[in-house]
Structure formats: structure tokens, C-alpha cells
Amino acid sequence: TASFGYPRRMSPGDFAAMFATYSGVITADPAERAAVLGAIAEAVAGLFPGAAEIEVPMRSRTWRAGRLPRA
């Protein structure tokens, strides 16, 4: 197993839109989904006013497995 951290640069809008791909947001009813995405966009705009890009810390956790030979 290994874990790799890296920064990802994206626009504040792309950052907020990334949350639309999370299962909890996808499965929410349309009104709840809109409220969550709106709150995220508002929070990002408040934290990074006027920013064209922000740097988002990301982490990938990986693992590798070997297949046993067939008997």
C-alpha cells in the first residue's frame, strides 16, 4: 500500500462542482442537492474572494495485490 499527496489547481467553480460527483450529493433530492452545492460555492467564494484558481490538497491511497496461481 502507498499514499501519495499532491496539489490540484482548479477554479473555485470547478471545486464546488466536484462535490456534485459525490454519492451523498448524487442521491440527494434535487432541492437538497442544490442547497448543498450552493452552500459549498458560497463558502469557497468567501474563503477565496476573487480567486481565479485555488490549490486543493488531494490524496491517493493505492494498493497492489498479486494473484495466486490456479491449482
N, C-alpha and C. Protein backbone atom coordinates (compact mmCIF):
# COMPACT_ATOMS: atom_id res chain seq x y z
N THR A 1 0.84 -1.18 0.00
CA THR A 1 0.00 0.00 0.00
C THR A 1 0.88 1.24 0.00
N ALA A 2 0.34 2.30 -0.50
CA ALA A 2 1.05 3.58 -0.51
C ALA A 2 0.03 4.70 -0.52
N SER A 3 0.48 5.86 -0.08
CA SER A 3 -0.37 7.05 -0.06
C SER A 3 0.43 8.20 -0.66
N PHE A 4 -0.18 8.90 -1.60
CA PHE A 4 0.50 9.99 -2.29
C PHE A 4 -0.31 11.27 -2.17
N GLY A 5 0.31 12.32 -1.67
CA GLY A 5 -0.35 13.61 -1.60
C GLY A 5 0.13 14.49 -2.74
N TYR A 6 -0.75 15.30 -3.27
CA TYR A 6 -0.40 16.20 -4.37
C TYR A 6 -1.40 17.35 -4.41
N PRO A 7 -0.97 18.50 -4.90
CA PRO A 7 -1.92 19.62 -5.03
C PRO A 7 -2.61 19.57 -6.39
N ARG A 8 -3.84 20.00 -6.43
CA ARG A 8 -4.57 20.12 -7.70
C ARG A 8 -5.08 21.55 -7.80
N ARG A 9 -4.72 22.22 -8.87
CA ARG A 9 -5.18 23.59 -9.09
C ARG A 9 -6.48 23.54 -9.89
N MET A 10 -7.46 24.29 -9.42
CA MET A 10 -8.75 24.34 -10.11
C MET A 10 -9.44 25.65 -9.79
N SER A 11 -10.41 25.98 -10.59
CA SER A 11 -11.18 27.19 -10.32
C SER A 11 -12.10 26.92 -9.13
N PRO A 12 -12.49 27.97 -8.43
CA PRO A 12 -13.44 27.77 -7.33
C PRO A 12 -14.74 27.10 -7.80
N GLY A 13 -15.19 27.42 -9.01
CA GLY A 13 -16.39 26.78 -9.56
C GLY A 13 -16.20 25.30 -9.80
N ASP A 14 -15.03 24.92 -10.32
CA ASP A 14 -14.75 23.50 -10.53
C ASP A 14 -14.65 22.76 -9.21
N PHE A 15 -14.08 23.42 -8.20
CA PHE A 15 -14.00 22.79 -6.88
C PHE A 15 -15.39 22.51 -6.34
N ALA A 16 -16.27 23.50 -6.42
CA ALA A 16 -17.65 23.31 -5.94
C ALA A 16 -18.36 22.23 -6.76
N ALA A 17 -18.15 22.22 -8.07
CA ALA A 17 -18.80 21.24 -8.94
C ALA A 17 -18.31 19.82 -8.66
N MET A 18 -17.06 19.68 -8.18
CA MET A 18 -16.53 18.36 -7.87
C MET A 18 -17.42 17.64 -6.85
N PHE A 19 -18.02 18.40 -5.94
CA PHE A 19 -18.87 17.79 -4.93
C PHE A 19 -20.13 17.17 -5.53
N ALA A 20 -20.53 17.61 -6.70
CA ALA A 20 -21.71 17.05 -7.36
C ALA A 20 -21.48 15.61 -7.78
N THR A 21 -20.22 15.15 -7.77
CA THR A 21 -19.91 13.76 -8.16
C THR A 21 -19.90 12.83 -6.95
N TYR A 22 -20.05 13.34 -5.74
CA TYR A 22 -20.03 12.51 -4.54
C TYR A 22 -21.39 11.84 -4.36
N SER A 23 -21.38 10.57 -3.96
CA SER A 23 -22.62 9.79 -3.90
C SER A 23 -23.67 10.42 -2.99
N GLY A 24 -23.26 11.03 -1.89
CA GLY A 24 -24.24 11.65 -1.00
C GLY A 24 -24.97 12.80 -1.65
N VAL A 25 -24.31 13.48 -2.56
CA VAL A 25 -24.94 14.59 -3.27
C VAL A 25 -25.76 14.05 -4.45
N ILE A 26 -25.21 13.07 -5.15
CA ILE A 26 -25.93 12.48 -6.30
C ILE A 26 -27.27 11.91 -5.86
N THR A 27 -27.30 11.25 -4.72
CA THR A 27 -28.53 10.58 -4.28
C THR A 27 -29.48 11.50 -3.52
N ALA A 28 -29.07 12.71 -3.24
CA ALA A 28 -29.95 13.65 -2.54
C ALA A 28 -31.08 14.10 -3.46
N ASP A 29 -32.17 14.53 -2.86
CA ASP A 29 -33.25 15.06 -3.70
C ASP A 29 -32.78 16.38 -4.31
N PRO A 30 -33.37 16.80 -5.42
CA PRO A 30 -32.88 17.97 -6.15
C PRO A 30 -32.77 19.24 -5.30
N ALA A 31 -33.71 19.49 -4.41
CA ALA A 31 -33.65 20.70 -3.58
C ALA A 31 -32.48 20.63 -2.61
N GLU A 32 -32.27 19.47 -2.00
CA GLU A 32 -31.15 19.32 -1.06
C GLU A 32 -29.82 19.43 -1.80
N ARG A 33 -29.74 18.81 -2.97
CA ARG A 33 -28.51 18.87 -3.79
C ARG A 33 -28.18 20.32 -4.13
N ALA A 34 -29.17 21.08 -4.57
CA ALA A 34 -28.95 22.49 -4.92
C ALA A 34 -28.51 23.28 -3.70
N ALA A 35 -29.10 23.01 -2.54
CA ALA A 35 -28.73 23.73 -1.32
C ALA A 35 -27.29 23.43 -0.92
N VAL A 36 -26.90 22.16 -0.99
CA VAL A 36 -25.53 21.77 -0.63
C VAL A 36 -24.52 22.41 -1.58
N LEU A 37 -24.77 22.30 -2.88
CA LEU A 37 -23.84 22.85 -3.86
C LEU A 37 -23.77 24.38 -3.76
N GLY A 38 -24.90 25.00 -3.48
CA GLY A 38 -24.90 26.45 -3.29
C GLY A 38 -24.11 26.87 -2.07
N ALA A 39 -24.26 26.12 -0.98
CA ALA A 39 -23.52 26.42 0.25
C ALA A 39 -22.01 26.24 0.04
N ILE A 40 -21.63 25.22 -0.70
CA ILE A 40 -20.21 25.00 -0.98
C ILE A 40 -19.65 26.13 -1.83
N ALA A 41 -20.36 26.50 -2.87
CA ALA A 41 -19.91 27.59 -3.74
C ALA A 41 -19.78 28.90 -2.94
N GLU A 42 -20.73 29.15 -2.06
CA GLU A 42 -20.69 30.36 -1.23
C GLU A 42 -19.50 30.33 -0.26
N ALA A 43 -19.25 29.19 0.34
CA ALA A 43 -18.13 29.06 1.28
C ALA A 43 -16.80 29.26 0.58
N VAL A 44 -16.65 28.66 -0.61
CA VAL A 44 -15.39 28.80 -1.37
C VAL A 44 -15.20 30.26 -1.77
N ALA A 45 -16.25 30.90 -2.23
CA ALA A 45 -16.15 32.31 -2.63
C ALA A 45 -15.78 33.18 -1.43
N GLY A 46 -16.27 32.83 -0.25
CA GLY A 46 -15.93 33.59 0.95
C GLY A 46 -14.50 33.37 1.41
N LEU A 47 -14.00 32.16 1.23
CA LEU A 47 -12.63 31.85 1.65
C LEU A 47 -11.58 32.37 0.67
N PHE A 48 -11.94 32.41 -0.61
CA PHE A 48 -11.00 32.82 -1.66
C PHE A 48 -11.63 33.88 -2.56
N PRO A 49 -11.95 35.05 -2.02
CA PRO A 49 -12.66 36.06 -2.81
C PRO A 49 -11.84 36.51 -4.03
N GLY A 50 -12.47 36.44 -5.18
CA GLY A 50 -11.85 36.89 -6.42
C GLY A 50 -10.80 35.97 -7.00
N ALA A 51 -10.58 34.81 -6.41
CA ALA A 51 -9.53 33.90 -6.89
C ALA A 51 -9.95 33.26 -8.21
N ALA A 52 -9.04 33.26 -9.18
CA ALA A 52 -9.29 32.55 -10.44
C ALA A 52 -9.00 31.07 -10.29
N GLU A 53 -8.03 30.74 -9.43
CA GLU A 53 -7.66 29.35 -9.17
C GLU A 53 -7.34 29.19 -7.69
N ILE A 54 -7.59 27.99 -7.19
CA ILE A 54 -7.18 27.64 -5.84
C ILE A 54 -6.41 26.32 -5.91
N GLU A 55 -5.57 26.11 -4.91
CA GLU A 55 -4.81 24.86 -4.85
C GLU A 55 -5.47 23.97 -3.81
N VAL A 56 -5.91 22.81 -4.26
CA VAL A 56 -6.64 21.89 -3.39
C VAL A 56 -5.74 20.70 -3.07
N PRO A 57 -5.50 20.42 -1.79
CA PRO A 57 -4.69 19.25 -1.46
C PRO A 57 -5.49 17.96 -1.71
N MET A 58 -4.88 17.05 -2.42
CA MET A 58 -5.52 15.78 -2.76
C MET A 58 -4.66 14.64 -2.20
N ARG A 59 -5.24 13.47 -2.05
CA ARG A 59 -4.50 12.30 -1.60
C ARG A 59 -5.04 11.07 -2.31
N SER A 60 -4.14 10.26 -2.83
CA SER A 60 -4.49 8.98 -3.45
C SER A 60 -3.94 7.87 -2.57
N ARG A 61 -4.77 6.94 -2.24
CA ARG A 61 -4.34 5.76 -1.50
C ARG A 61 -4.39 4.59 -2.46
N THR A 62 -3.30 3.88 -2.55
CA THR A 62 -3.19 2.81 -3.54
C THR A 62 -2.79 1.50 -2.87
N TRP A 63 -3.05 0.42 -3.56
CA TRP A 63 -2.60 -0.87 -3.11
C TRP A 63 -2.41 -1.76 -4.33
N ARG A 64 -1.62 -2.79 -4.13
CA ARG A 64 -1.36 -3.73 -5.21
C ARG A 64 -1.50 -5.13 -4.63
N ALA A 65 -2.08 -6.01 -5.39
CA ALA A 65 -2.25 -7.39 -4.96
C ALA A 65 -1.75 -8.32 -6.07
N GLY A 66 -1.23 -9.42 -5.66
CA GLY A 66 -0.81 -10.44 -6.62
C GLY A 66 -1.83 -11.55 -6.67
N ARG A 67 -2.01 -12.12 -7.82
CA ARG A 67 -2.97 -13.20 -7.99
C ARG A 67 -2.26 -14.52 -7.75
N LEU A 68 -2.89 -15.38 -6.97
CA LEU A 68 -2.32 -16.71 -6.74
C LEU A 68 -2.50 -17.56 -7.99
N PRO A 69 -1.55 -18.41 -8.29
CA PRO A 69 -1.72 -19.29 -9.46
C PRO A 69 -2.89 -20.25 -9.24
N ARG A 70 -3.55 -20.60 -10.32
CA ARG A 70 -4.66 -21.56 -10.23
C ARG A 70 -4.11 -22.94 -9.97
N ALA A 71 -4.87 -23.69 -9.22
CA ALA A 71 -4.45 -25.04 -8.86
C ALA A 71 -4.67 -26.01 -9.99
